[in-house]
Amino acid sequence: MIRVLSAALVGVTGVPVEVEVRLSSQLPAVDVVGLPEAAVRESVSRIRGAIAAAGFAFPDRRVTINLAPAELRKSGAGLDLPIAIGVLAASGIVPPERLEGRGLLGELALDGRLRATRGSLAAVLAMVEARAGEAIVARGCAARAAHARAIDVRAADDLRAVIAHLRGDVPLDVAHERASGATPGAHETSPCLSDIRGQQHAKRALEVAAAGGHGLLLAGPPGTGKTLLARRLPGLLPALRDRERLETFCVLDAAGSLAPDEPIPDAPPFRAPHHSASAAGLLGGGSPIRPGEVSLAHNGVLFLDELPEFDRRCLESLREVLEQGVVRIARASQRCELPARFQLVAAANPCPCGYYGTPDRDCRCDDASLARYRRRLSGPLVDRIDLAVPVGEVPWSQLSAPPAGPTSREVRARVAEARARQHARGVASNAAIPDACLDALVDAEPDALDLLGRAVERLSLSARSARRVMRVARTLADLGDCVRTPRAAMAEALQMRAGW
C-alpha cells in the first residue's frame, strides 16, 4: 500500500490528508472512499487522462483510494496530483521511498498540466504541521505557497515533470516568495485625508479610530462626506506585521480573491459589501465553506455603508463576531472557525429621508417611520461600536477653499507612535485590551474616573459602554503622549459617543 501526504481546505485552514492507494487482483475498477465531494470523485477521469498524456498506462486492476482521516469531508481538485502519484507509485513507476517527507497538491488537466488550487498556502502550512520537508505544487500557486518558509516548495508545470523529479532525473525548481507590497507605495496611492474640506471633528474621530483600532459610526445627512472619510481610514493604519500578513493572505487565498501572481499584501484589507449582502455573503458559509466579507476584512477594515439598510439578522449576527473576532459555523457534518478580527466603520443617515436634525432642510419623516428606522439598529449592536460621531453639512466657503488640515502621512505617523505605546504595554491595540486588565492599563486619573461615573449615571450608559469609553480615552491619552489618562481625554471620549 502506498501513502502520499496532501492537505484539504476547511474554511481557511489546511488539514493534513493522507492518500492511501492499494492495487488488488480483481476486476478493473476504481473506488474512492473517505468522504470525497463531487470534485474529488470526478478526479479519476482527470487522472486517467493525465497519466496517459504523460506516457504511462493506468493500472488494469482494481484501485482502492482512501482519503484519511475518513470523517473529514474532502472538497476541491487539489487531491488530483497526490492520487495520481499514489497510483503511479503503486504501479512501480515512481519509487515509493521518494514519497517520504513530501507533500503534493495540484489539480490535473486532461493533458497532464498542473493548475493552481485555492488555499495553497494554508494547505502547505498543514504539510509543515505534518512534518513534511518538501511540497510539490502547481507553478501558478508556488509563489504563494513559498510564504510557508519552514518547507521547500517546488514548482511543477505538469505531471511528467513531477514524475521526473520523484525519480531523481530532473529536479523541480525551488519556488520563492514574492516581495510583500509589490504594488509600490500602497499608502501613498490611497486617497489623502487633507482632500476632505471641513469635518474636523470627524477627522479627529478617524484618527482616534486608527490609533486604537476602534469601531466608528458616522451619522449624518447624505452628501456630507461619510463615505469619503471611511475610505481614508486604511491609509492611516500602520502596515501589517509578519503574522498578520500571513493570516490575511491565507484568508484571501482560501477565498480565491487573489490573482495567481499577486504578492502577499502589507496594507490592511478594506472591504465594503453592499447592503443587500446575505448572511452567508457577510459571515461566510456555502458548501464547501468559504469566508465571508467579515473574514476577508480580517486585520483590516470592514465598511458598512447605509448601515440601517442591512438585513436585521445580518447586523445582529455581527454582535458576537465583534466581541470574539471569529465566525463559528456549525453543521451536522462539519464545524469550522473563520478569523474575523476587523475594524468596523459604518455610515448611516439620521432618518429615512436623511435630513432629520439639519437646520437648512425639512425632514419629511413622521414619528412612526423615524422610530422604525432607528429600531433597525439595536441597542446591543450600537453599544459595541466605540465611536459614534455626527457628520454635518459643510458650508460652501469651506468646500471652495484649498485643501487644508493634516495629510494622511502626518496622521499615520501619529497613529504609529500611539500604536507603539500600546505595543509597549503588551496589547495590539487599545480596542483589544482585556476587561481583566483594563483598569490597570487605562490608568485613569481620579477626576477622569469621577467624570466617567457621573456620565454613566446621567446618560444611563451600560457597563460595556463605560468600558469602551475608557479604552477610547486611553487612545486619546496615547495620542497626547500622556502617561496616565487625564480628565480631558475622558471628556473627549464621552463626546465621541453621542452621534447616534
Protein backbone atom coordinates (compact mmCIF):
# COMPACT_ATOMS: atom_id res chain seq x y z
CA MET A 1 0.00 0.00 0.00
CA ILE A 2 1.22 3.49 -0.92
CA ARG A 3 0.79 6.58 1.26
CA VAL A 4 1.05 10.13 -0.10
CA LEU A 5 0.78 13.27 2.01
CA SER A 6 -1.50 16.10 0.90
CA ALA A 7 -3.91 18.58 2.50
CA ALA A 8 -7.53 19.70 2.28
CA LEU A 9 -9.04 23.10 2.97
CA VAL A 10 -11.64 23.53 5.74
CA GLY A 11 -12.80 27.12 5.76
CA VAL A 12 -9.47 28.95 5.63
CA THR A 13 -7.44 26.30 7.46
CA GLY A 14 -5.46 23.49 5.89
CA VAL A 15 -5.84 19.97 7.30
CA PRO A 16 -3.31 17.20 6.51
CA VAL A 17 -4.76 14.39 4.38
CA GLU A 18 -3.10 11.04 3.77
CA VAL A 19 -3.89 9.48 0.39
CA GLU A 20 -3.69 5.70 0.56
CA VAL A 21 -3.63 3.70 -2.70
CA ARG A 22 -3.89 -0.07 -2.97
CA LEU A 23 -3.94 -2.29 -6.09
CA SER A 24 -5.60 -5.70 -5.96
CA SER A 25 -6.02 -8.54 -8.45
CA GLN A 26 -9.71 -8.10 -9.14
CA LEU A 27 -11.83 -6.80 -11.98
CA PRO A 28 -10.66 -3.33 -13.07
CA ALA A 29 -12.43 -0.61 -11.11
CA VAL A 30 -11.62 2.50 -9.07
CA ASP A 31 -13.08 3.09 -5.61
CA VAL A 32 -12.57 6.43 -3.84
CA VAL A 33 -13.54 6.37 -0.16
CA GLY A 34 -13.11 8.77 2.74
CA LEU A 35 -16.00 11.24 2.27
CA PRO A 36 -14.97 12.71 -1.09
CA GLU A 37 -17.05 15.55 -2.57
CA ALA A 38 -18.07 15.54 -6.23
CA ALA A 39 -14.87 17.26 -7.43
CA VAL A 40 -12.76 14.60 -5.72
CA ARG A 41 -14.84 11.72 -7.09
CA GLU A 42 -14.51 13.16 -10.58
CA SER A 43 -10.73 13.26 -10.23
CA VAL A 44 -10.46 9.69 -11.54
CA SER A 45 -11.34 10.79 -15.07
CA ARG A 46 -8.82 13.63 -14.96
CA ILE A 47 -6.12 11.36 -13.54
CA ARG A 48 -6.63 8.75 -16.27
CA GLY A 49 -6.18 11.38 -18.98
CA ALA A 50 -3.17 12.99 -17.26
CA ILE A 51 -1.36 9.65 -16.80
CA ALA A 52 -1.98 8.75 -20.44
CA ALA A 53 -0.72 12.18 -21.54
CA ALA A 54 2.46 11.62 -19.51
CA GLY A 55 3.12 8.42 -21.48
CA PHE A 56 2.13 5.83 -18.87
CA ALA A 57 -0.75 3.38 -18.55
CA PHE A 58 -3.36 3.43 -15.84
CA PRO A 59 -3.26 0.06 -13.99
CA ASP A 60 -5.64 -2.56 -15.35
CA ARG A 61 -6.55 -3.75 -11.84
CA ARG A 62 -8.83 -2.77 -9.01
CA VAL A 63 -7.65 0.52 -7.47
CA THR A 64 -8.83 1.48 -3.98
CA ILE A 65 -8.12 5.06 -2.88
CA ASN A 66 -8.69 6.02 0.76
CA LEU A 67 -8.55 9.65 1.94
CA ALA A 68 -7.72 9.80 5.64
CA PRO A 69 -8.99 10.99 8.05
CA ALA A 70 -12.23 9.39 6.89
CA GLU A 71 -14.51 11.65 8.96
CA LEU A 72 -13.30 14.82 7.20
CA ARG A 73 -15.24 15.76 4.08
CA LYS A 74 -12.79 16.49 1.25
CA SER A 75 -13.56 19.03 -1.45
CA GLY A 76 -11.75 20.68 -4.33
CA ALA A 77 -9.45 19.33 -7.01
CA GLY A 78 -6.16 19.72 -5.13
CA LEU A 79 -6.00 15.99 -4.38
CA ASP A 80 -5.63 15.11 -8.08
CA LEU A 81 -1.82 15.14 -8.02
CA PRO A 82 -1.30 13.07 -4.85
CA ILE A 83 -3.83 10.47 -6.05
CA ALA A 84 -2.13 10.24 -9.45
CA ILE A 85 1.33 9.87 -7.89
CA GLY A 86 -0.04 7.28 -5.48
CA VAL A 87 -1.41 5.23 -8.38
CA LEU A 88 1.90 5.51 -10.26
CA ALA A 89 3.87 4.53 -7.15
CA ALA A 90 1.61 1.51 -6.60
CA SER A 91 2.29 0.54 -10.24
CA GLY A 92 6.06 0.73 -9.73
CA ILE A 93 6.60 3.79 -11.94
CA VAL A 94 7.54 6.10 -9.05
CA PRO A 95 9.80 4.82 -6.23
CA PRO A 96 7.65 4.69 -3.06
CA GLU A 97 10.57 5.65 -0.82
CA ARG A 98 10.81 9.01 -2.67
CA LEU A 99 7.39 9.97 -1.28
CA GLU A 100 8.59 10.04 2.34
CA GLY A 101 8.56 13.58 3.78
CA ARG A 102 6.98 15.06 0.65
CA GLY A 103 3.56 16.66 0.26
CA LEU A 104 1.77 17.10 -3.07
CA LEU A 105 -1.04 19.41 -4.12
CA GLY A 106 -2.49 20.33 -7.50
CA GLU A 107 -5.33 19.95 -9.98
CA LEU A 108 -4.62 17.94 -13.12
CA ALA A 109 -5.79 18.78 -16.62
CA LEU A 110 -6.52 16.00 -19.11
CA ASP A 111 -3.25 16.76 -20.90
CA GLY A 112 -1.25 16.46 -17.67
CA ARG A 113 -0.84 20.17 -16.90
CA LEU A 114 -1.00 21.27 -13.28
CA ARG A 115 -3.44 24.01 -12.33
CA ALA A 116 -3.25 26.23 -9.25
CA THR A 117 -5.63 25.49 -6.40
CA ARG A 118 -7.45 27.71 -3.93
CA GLY A 119 -5.94 27.82 -0.47
CA SER A 120 -2.49 26.54 -1.43
CA LEU A 121 -0.69 28.43 1.34
CA ALA A 122 -2.95 27.04 4.07
CA ALA A 123 -2.50 23.55 2.60
CA VAL A 124 1.29 23.81 2.60
CA LEU A 125 1.22 25.11 6.18
CA ALA A 126 -0.73 21.96 7.07
CA MET A 127 2.03 19.90 5.44
CA VAL A 128 4.53 21.69 7.66
CA GLU A 129 2.49 20.59 10.69
CA ALA A 130 2.67 17.04 9.34
CA ARG A 131 6.50 17.39 9.30
CA ALA A 132 6.95 17.35 5.55
CA GLY A 133 10.24 18.76 4.30
CA GLU A 134 9.16 19.40 0.72
CA ALA A 135 5.93 20.36 -1.02
CA ILE A 136 5.25 19.99 -4.75
CA VAL A 137 2.57 22.35 -6.07
CA ALA A 138 1.48 23.85 -9.38
CA ARG A 139 3.65 26.69 -10.62
CA GLY A 140 0.67 29.04 -10.65
CA CYS A 141 0.42 28.99 -6.86
CA ALA A 142 4.04 28.19 -5.94
CA ALA A 143 4.97 31.79 -5.08
CA ARG A 144 2.04 31.98 -2.67
CA ALA A 145 2.87 28.62 -1.06
CA ALA A 146 6.51 29.66 -0.64
CA HIS A 147 5.45 32.04 2.14
CA ALA A 148 5.41 28.93 4.33
CA ARG A 149 9.12 29.31 4.96
CA ALA A 150 9.65 26.14 7.02
CA ILE A 151 9.40 23.90 3.96
CA ASP A 152 10.94 23.60 0.48
CA VAL A 153 8.29 24.43 -2.11
CA ARG A 154 8.85 23.03 -5.62
CA ALA A 155 7.02 24.39 -8.67
CA ALA A 156 5.81 21.94 -11.31
CA ASP A 157 4.24 22.59 -14.70
CA ASP A 158 2.84 19.13 -15.40
CA LEU A 159 2.63 15.56 -14.18
CA ARG A 160 5.59 14.44 -16.30
CA ALA A 161 7.86 16.96 -14.50
CA VAL A 162 6.69 15.70 -11.10
CA ILE A 163 7.44 12.10 -12.08
CA ALA A 164 10.93 13.07 -13.31
CA HIS A 165 11.62 14.86 -10.02
CA LEU A 166 10.47 11.95 -7.90
CA ARG A 167 12.57 9.54 -9.93
CA GLY A 168 15.61 11.76 -9.40
CA ASP A 169 16.04 12.56 -13.09
CA VAL A 170 15.30 16.31 -13.38
CA PRO A 171 14.76 18.25 -10.11
CA LEU A 172 11.95 20.79 -9.95
CA ASP A 173 12.65 24.48 -9.43
CA VAL A 174 12.52 25.81 -5.88
CA ALA A 175 9.80 28.46 -5.60
CA HIS A 176 10.50 31.79 -3.91
CA GLU A 177 8.03 34.14 -2.30
CA ARG A 178 7.43 37.46 -3.95
CA ALA A 179 8.32 40.58 -2.01
CA SER A 180 5.48 41.96 0.07
CA GLY A 181 3.67 45.00 -1.16
CA ALA A 182 4.74 44.63 -4.79
CA THR A 183 2.34 47.47 -5.52
CA PRO A 184 4.71 50.31 -4.58
CA GLY A 185 3.54 52.92 -2.12
CA ALA A 186 0.23 51.36 -1.17
CA HIS A 187 -0.32 54.06 1.43
CA GLU A 188 0.78 56.83 -0.90
CA THR A 189 -1.68 55.82 -3.61
CA SER A 190 -4.64 55.80 -1.21
CA PRO A 191 -6.74 59.00 -1.02
CA CYS A 192 -5.41 61.64 1.32
CA LEU A 193 -7.27 62.89 4.37
CA SER A 194 -6.44 66.51 3.53
CA ASP A 195 -8.62 66.29 0.40
CA ILE A 196 -11.73 66.46 2.59
CA ARG A 197 -12.80 70.01 3.37
CA GLY A 198 -14.12 70.75 6.84
CA GLN A 199 -15.33 67.90 9.08
CA GLN A 200 -12.58 68.49 11.62
CA HIS A 201 -14.46 66.62 14.35
CA ALA A 202 -14.97 63.60 12.08
CA LYS A 203 -11.31 63.68 11.02
CA ARG A 204 -10.28 63.67 14.65
CA ALA A 205 -12.53 60.67 15.28
CA LEU A 206 -10.98 58.90 12.29
CA GLU A 207 -7.50 59.44 13.74
CA VAL A 208 -8.62 58.11 17.12
CA ALA A 209 -10.19 55.07 15.50
CA ALA A 210 -6.99 54.33 13.58
CA ALA A 211 -4.77 54.85 16.63
CA GLY A 212 -6.73 52.50 18.90
CA GLY A 213 -8.38 50.08 16.47
CA HIS A 214 -11.84 51.30 17.50
CA GLY A 215 -15.12 50.85 15.67
CA LEU A 216 -16.63 54.01 14.23
CA LEU A 217 -20.16 55.05 13.21
CA LEU A 218 -20.51 58.19 11.07
CA ALA A 219 -24.05 59.56 11.15
CA GLY A 220 -25.27 62.49 9.09
CA PRO A 221 -27.30 63.64 6.09
CA PRO A 222 -26.42 62.47 2.57
CA GLY A 223 -23.60 64.19 0.71
CA THR A 224 -21.62 65.25 3.78
CA GLY A 225 -18.59 63.01 3.14
CA LYS A 226 -19.23 59.97 5.33
CA THR A 227 -18.07 57.53 2.66
CA LEU A 228 -15.07 59.68 1.75
CA LEU A 229 -13.99 59.72 5.37
CA ALA A 230 -14.40 55.97 5.81
CA ARG A 231 -12.39 55.16 2.68
CA ARG A 232 -9.44 57.13 4.04
CA LEU A 233 -9.10 55.02 7.17
CA PRO A 234 -6.88 52.29 5.59
CA GLY A 235 -4.37 54.99 4.60
CA LEU A 236 -4.00 55.95 8.29
CA LEU A 237 -3.32 52.44 9.57
CA PRO A 238 0.19 51.01 10.01
CA ALA A 239 1.40 48.25 7.70
CA LEU A 240 0.60 44.69 8.70
CA ARG A 241 3.13 42.79 10.74
CA ASP A 242 4.52 39.46 9.53
CA ARG A 243 1.99 37.25 11.31
CA GLU A 244 -0.92 39.49 10.34
CA ARG A 245 0.20 39.48 6.71
CA LEU A 246 0.33 35.69 6.66
CA GLU A 247 -3.13 35.38 8.26
CA THR A 248 -4.62 37.91 5.85
CA PHE A 249 -3.04 36.22 2.85
CA CYS A 250 -4.34 32.80 3.94
CA VAL A 251 -7.90 34.13 4.13
CA LEU A 252 -7.74 35.88 0.75
CA ASP A 253 -6.12 32.85 -0.87
CA ALA A 254 -8.71 30.47 0.61
CA ALA A 255 -11.49 32.69 -0.74
CA GLY A 256 -9.99 32.72 -4.23
CA SER A 257 -9.74 36.52 -4.13
CA LEU A 258 -6.14 36.74 -5.35
CA ALA A 259 -4.67 36.67 -8.83
CA PRO A 260 -2.13 33.85 -9.43
CA ASP A 261 0.85 36.22 -9.36
CA GLU A 262 -0.43 38.61 -6.68
CA PRO A 263 2.08 39.19 -3.85
CA ILE A 264 1.30 38.99 -0.16
CA PRO A 265 -0.13 42.38 0.86
CA ASP A 266 1.33 44.59 3.57
CA ALA A 267 -1.54 47.09 3.60
CA PRO A 268 -4.64 46.28 5.70
CA PRO A 269 -7.53 44.94 3.60
CA PHE A 270 -10.59 47.12 3.03
CA ARG A 271 -13.97 45.54 2.32
CA ALA A 272 -17.20 47.39 1.56
CA PRO A 273 -20.09 44.96 0.91
CA HIS A 274 -23.42 46.22 -0.45
CA HIS A 275 -26.30 46.46 2.00
CA SER A 276 -28.12 43.70 0.09
CA ALA A 277 -25.46 41.14 1.12
CA SER A 278 -26.84 37.89 2.52
CA ALA A 279 -25.87 36.38 5.86
CA ALA A 280 -23.67 33.81 4.10
CA GLY A 281 -22.03 36.51 1.99
CA LEU A 282 -21.33 38.62 5.05
CA LEU A 283 -20.35 35.94 7.57
CA GLY A 284 -19.31 33.05 5.34
CA GLY A 285 -20.81 29.67 4.53
CA GLY A 286 -21.74 27.64 1.49
CA SER A 287 -20.59 24.17 0.53
CA PRO A 288 -17.66 23.95 0.78
CA ILE A 289 -17.43 26.65 3.43
CA ARG A 290 -15.93 29.89 2.16
CA PRO A 291 -15.08 33.02 4.15
CA GLY A 292 -17.47 35.97 4.03
CA GLU A 293 -16.80 39.70 3.98
CA VAL A 294 -16.05 39.88 7.71
CA SER A 295 -13.25 37.32 7.28
CA LEU A 296 -11.94 38.97 4.12
CA ALA A 297 -11.59 42.12 6.25
CA HIS A 298 -9.52 40.24 8.87
CA ASN A 299 -6.74 42.53 10.20
CA GLY A 300 -8.26 45.36 8.17
CA VAL A 301 -11.37 47.50 7.79
CA LEU A 302 -14.97 46.46 7.15
CA PHE A 303 -17.03 49.40 5.87
CA LEU A 304 -20.81 49.07 6.04
CA ASP A 305 -22.37 51.98 4.17
CA GLU A 306 -26.06 52.69 4.81
CA LEU A 307 -25.87 50.55 7.95
CA PRO A 308 -29.63 50.54 8.79
CA GLU A 309 -30.40 49.18 5.29
CA PHE A 310 -28.61 45.89 6.00
CA ASP A 311 -30.75 42.91 6.90
CA ARG A 312 -31.53 42.95 10.62
CA ARG A 313 -30.44 39.32 11.07
CA CYS A 314 -27.09 40.06 9.41
CA LEU A 315 -26.46 43.00 11.72
CA GLU A 316 -27.42 41.09 14.86
CA SER A 317 -25.11 38.26 13.87
CA LEU A 318 -22.23 40.75 13.91
CA ARG A 319 -22.55 41.23 17.66
CA GLU A 320 -20.77 38.02 18.63
CA VAL A 321 -18.21 38.46 15.85
CA LEU A 322 -17.29 41.94 17.09
CA GLU A 323 -16.76 40.57 20.59
CA GLN A 324 -14.84 37.38 19.79
CA GLY A 325 -13.14 38.08 16.45
CA VAL A 326 -14.17 34.75 14.87
CA VAL A 327 -17.12 33.34 12.94
CA ARG A 328 -18.14 29.89 14.15
CA ILE A 329 -20.01 27.81 11.58
CA ALA A 330 -21.55 24.63 13.00
CA ARG A 331 -23.21 21.97 10.88
CA ALA A 332 -24.18 18.37 11.44
CA SER A 333 -21.20 17.10 9.45
CA GLN A 334 -18.67 19.90 9.83
CA ARG A 335 -17.58 22.72 12.12
CA CYS A 336 -15.01 25.39 11.47
CA GLU A 337 -13.87 28.79 12.70
CA LEU A 338 -13.17 31.67 10.33
CA PRO A 339 -10.98 34.54 11.59
CA ALA A 340 -12.77 37.89 11.63
CA ARG A 341 -10.89 40.41 13.74
CA PHE A 342 -11.61 43.59 11.82
CA GLN A 343 -12.18 47.27 12.45
CA LEU A 344 -15.81 48.22 11.79
CA VAL A 345 -16.59 51.54 10.15
CA ALA A 346 -20.21 52.28 9.36
CA ALA A 347 -22.17 55.18 7.88
CA ALA A 348 -25.84 55.94 8.41
CA ASN A 349 -28.38 58.65 7.67
CA PRO A 350 -30.25 60.06 10.69
CA CYS A 351 -33.65 59.15 9.20
CA PRO A 352 -35.17 57.59 6.04
CA CYS A 353 -35.14 60.88 4.10
CA GLY A 354 -31.73 61.76 5.54
CA TYR A 355 -32.38 65.29 6.83
CA TYR A 356 -33.57 64.83 10.40
CA GLY A 357 -31.95 67.46 12.60
CA THR A 358 -30.41 69.51 9.77
CA PRO A 359 -31.02 73.25 10.17
CA ASP A 360 -31.48 74.17 6.49
CA ARG A 361 -33.72 71.32 5.25
CA ASP A 362 -37.03 69.98 6.42
CA CYS A 363 -37.31 66.33 7.40
CA ARG A 364 -40.23 64.59 5.64
CA CYS A 365 -40.38 61.60 8.02
CA ASP A 366 -43.17 61.14 10.53
CA ASP A 367 -42.54 59.90 14.05
CA ALA A 368 -43.53 56.31 13.26
CA SER A 369 -41.19 55.95 10.28
CA LEU A 370 -38.37 57.59 12.23
CA ALA A 371 -38.89 55.16 15.12
CA ARG A 372 -38.93 52.18 12.75
CA TYR A 373 -35.72 53.38 11.10
CA ARG A 374 -33.97 53.81 14.44
CA ARG A 375 -35.05 50.36 15.59
CA ARG A 376 -33.17 48.78 12.68
CA LEU A 377 -30.01 49.28 14.72
CA SER A 378 -30.44 47.52 18.05
CA GLY A 379 -29.04 48.92 21.24
CA PRO A 380 -26.67 45.96 21.81
CA LEU A 381 -25.14 46.48 18.36
CA VAL A 382 -24.62 50.24 18.74
CA ASP A 383 -23.29 49.54 22.22
CA ARG A 384 -20.43 47.58 20.66
CA ILE A 385 -19.29 50.48 18.45
CA ASP A 386 -16.76 52.62 20.29
CA LEU A 387 -17.24 55.92 18.45
CA ALA A 388 -20.47 57.43 17.11
CA VAL A 389 -19.77 60.80 15.51
CA PRO A 390 -22.16 63.24 13.79
CA VAL A 391 -21.15 64.44 10.33
CA GLY A 392 -22.84 67.71 9.42
CA GLU A 393 -23.11 69.72 6.24
CA VAL A 394 -20.08 71.81 5.25
CA PRO A 395 -20.62 75.45 4.17
CA TRP A 396 -19.61 76.43 0.65
CA SER A 397 -16.89 78.74 1.95
CA GLN A 398 -15.01 75.67 3.23
CA LEU A 399 -15.83 73.48 0.23
CA SER A 400 -14.43 76.03 -2.20
CA ALA A 401 -11.28 76.66 -0.14
CA PRO A 402 -7.97 74.91 -0.92
CA PRO A 403 -7.26 71.63 0.90
CA ALA A 404 -6.19 72.19 4.48
CA GLY A 405 -5.51 70.18 7.59
CA PRO A 406 -3.16 67.27 8.25
CA THR A 407 -2.32 64.85 5.47
CA SER A 408 -2.71 61.10 5.76
CA ARG A 409 1.07 60.78 6.06
CA GLU A 410 1.14 63.11 9.09
CA VAL A 411 -1.77 61.38 10.80
CA ARG A 412 -0.29 57.96 10.05
CA ALA A 413 2.91 58.98 11.82
CA ARG A 414 0.97 59.97 14.95
CA VAL A 415 -1.03 56.75 14.74
CA ALA A 416 2.20 54.72 14.53
CA GLU A 417 3.56 56.45 17.65
CA ALA A 418 0.34 55.73 19.56
CA ARG A 419 0.36 52.09 18.45
CA ALA A 420 3.98 51.77 19.58
CA ARG A 421 2.96 52.90 23.09
CA GLN A 422 0.20 50.29 23.10
CA HIS A 423 2.59 47.55 21.98
CA ALA A 424 4.94 48.56 24.80
CA ARG A 425 2.07 47.86 27.23
CA GLY A 426 1.66 44.40 25.71
CA VAL A 427 -1.54 44.88 23.67
CA ALA A 428 -2.03 45.00 19.90
CA SER A 429 -4.43 47.95 20.22
CA ASN A 430 -6.42 49.66 22.94
CA ALA A 431 -9.65 48.27 21.50
CA ALA A 432 -8.32 44.79 22.30
CA ILE A 433 -7.48 45.46 25.98
CA PRO A 434 -8.98 42.59 28.03
CA ASP A 435 -11.50 43.55 30.69
CA ALA A 436 -9.39 41.86 33.37
CA CYS A 437 -6.55 44.37 33.00
CA LEU A 438 -8.48 47.37 31.68
CA ASP A 439 -8.28 49.47 34.85
CA ALA A 440 -4.54 48.92 35.20
CA LEU A 441 -3.70 49.69 31.56
CA VAL A 442 -6.01 52.71 31.24
CA ASP A 443 -4.60 54.14 34.49
CA ALA A 444 -7.13 56.98 34.62
CA GLU A 445 -6.66 59.94 36.93
CA PRO A 446 -9.17 60.24 39.80
CA ASP A 447 -11.02 63.22 38.33
CA ALA A 448 -11.31 61.36 34.97
CA LEU A 449 -12.93 58.39 36.73
CA ASP A 450 -15.23 60.76 38.61
CA LEU A 451 -16.34 62.33 35.31
CA LEU A 452 -16.99 58.90 33.82
CA GLY A 453 -19.05 57.85 36.86
CA ARG A 454 -21.28 60.94 36.63
CA ALA A 455 -21.72 60.41 32.88
CA VAL A 456 -22.72 56.77 33.38
CA GLU A 457 -25.45 57.80 35.82
CA ARG A 458 -26.72 60.80 33.86
CA LEU A 459 -26.63 59.19 30.39
CA SER A 460 -27.62 55.68 31.61
CA LEU A 461 -24.59 54.11 29.94
CA SER A 462 -24.22 50.34 30.18
CA ALA A 463 -21.18 48.74 31.75
CA ARG A 464 -19.97 47.76 28.28
CA SER A 465 -20.30 51.35 27.04
CA ALA A 466 -18.41 52.68 30.04
CA ARG A 467 -15.53 50.32 29.49
CA ARG A 468 -15.40 51.19 25.80
CA VAL A 469 -15.24 54.87 26.75
CA MET A 470 -12.24 54.03 28.93
CA ARG A 471 -10.47 52.35 26.01
CA VAL A 472 -11.10 55.35 23.74
CA ALA A 473 -9.84 57.69 26.47
CA ARG A 474 -6.64 55.65 26.72
CA THR A 475 -6.16 56.06 22.97
CA LEU A 476 -6.61 59.82 23.27
CA ALA A 477 -4.03 59.82 26.06
CA ASP A 478 -1.62 57.88 23.83
CA LEU A 479 -2.09 60.42 21.03
CA GLY A 480 -1.30 63.15 23.55
CA ASP A 481 1.72 61.20 24.93
CA CYS A 482 0.22 61.13 28.43
CA VAL A 483 1.38 58.51 30.91
CA ARG A 484 -1.97 58.49 32.72
CA THR A 485 -5.41 59.07 31.20
CA PRO A 486 -6.40 62.66 32.03
CA ARG A 487 -9.87 64.14 32.54
CA ALA A 488 -9.73 65.92 29.14
CA ALA A 489 -9.24 62.60 27.34
CA MET A 490 -12.19 61.06 29.19
CA ALA A 491 -14.39 64.05 28.33
CA GLU A 492 -13.49 63.85 24.63
CA ALA A 493 -14.13 60.10 24.62
CA LEU A 494 -17.61 60.67 26.06
CA GLN A 495 -18.30 63.32 23.45
CA MET A 496 -17.41 60.86 20.70
CA ARG A 497 -20.26 58.51 21.67
CA ALA A 498 -23.08 61.00 21.18
CA GLY A 499 -23.56 60.76 17.42
CA TRP A 500 -26.45 58.27 17.28
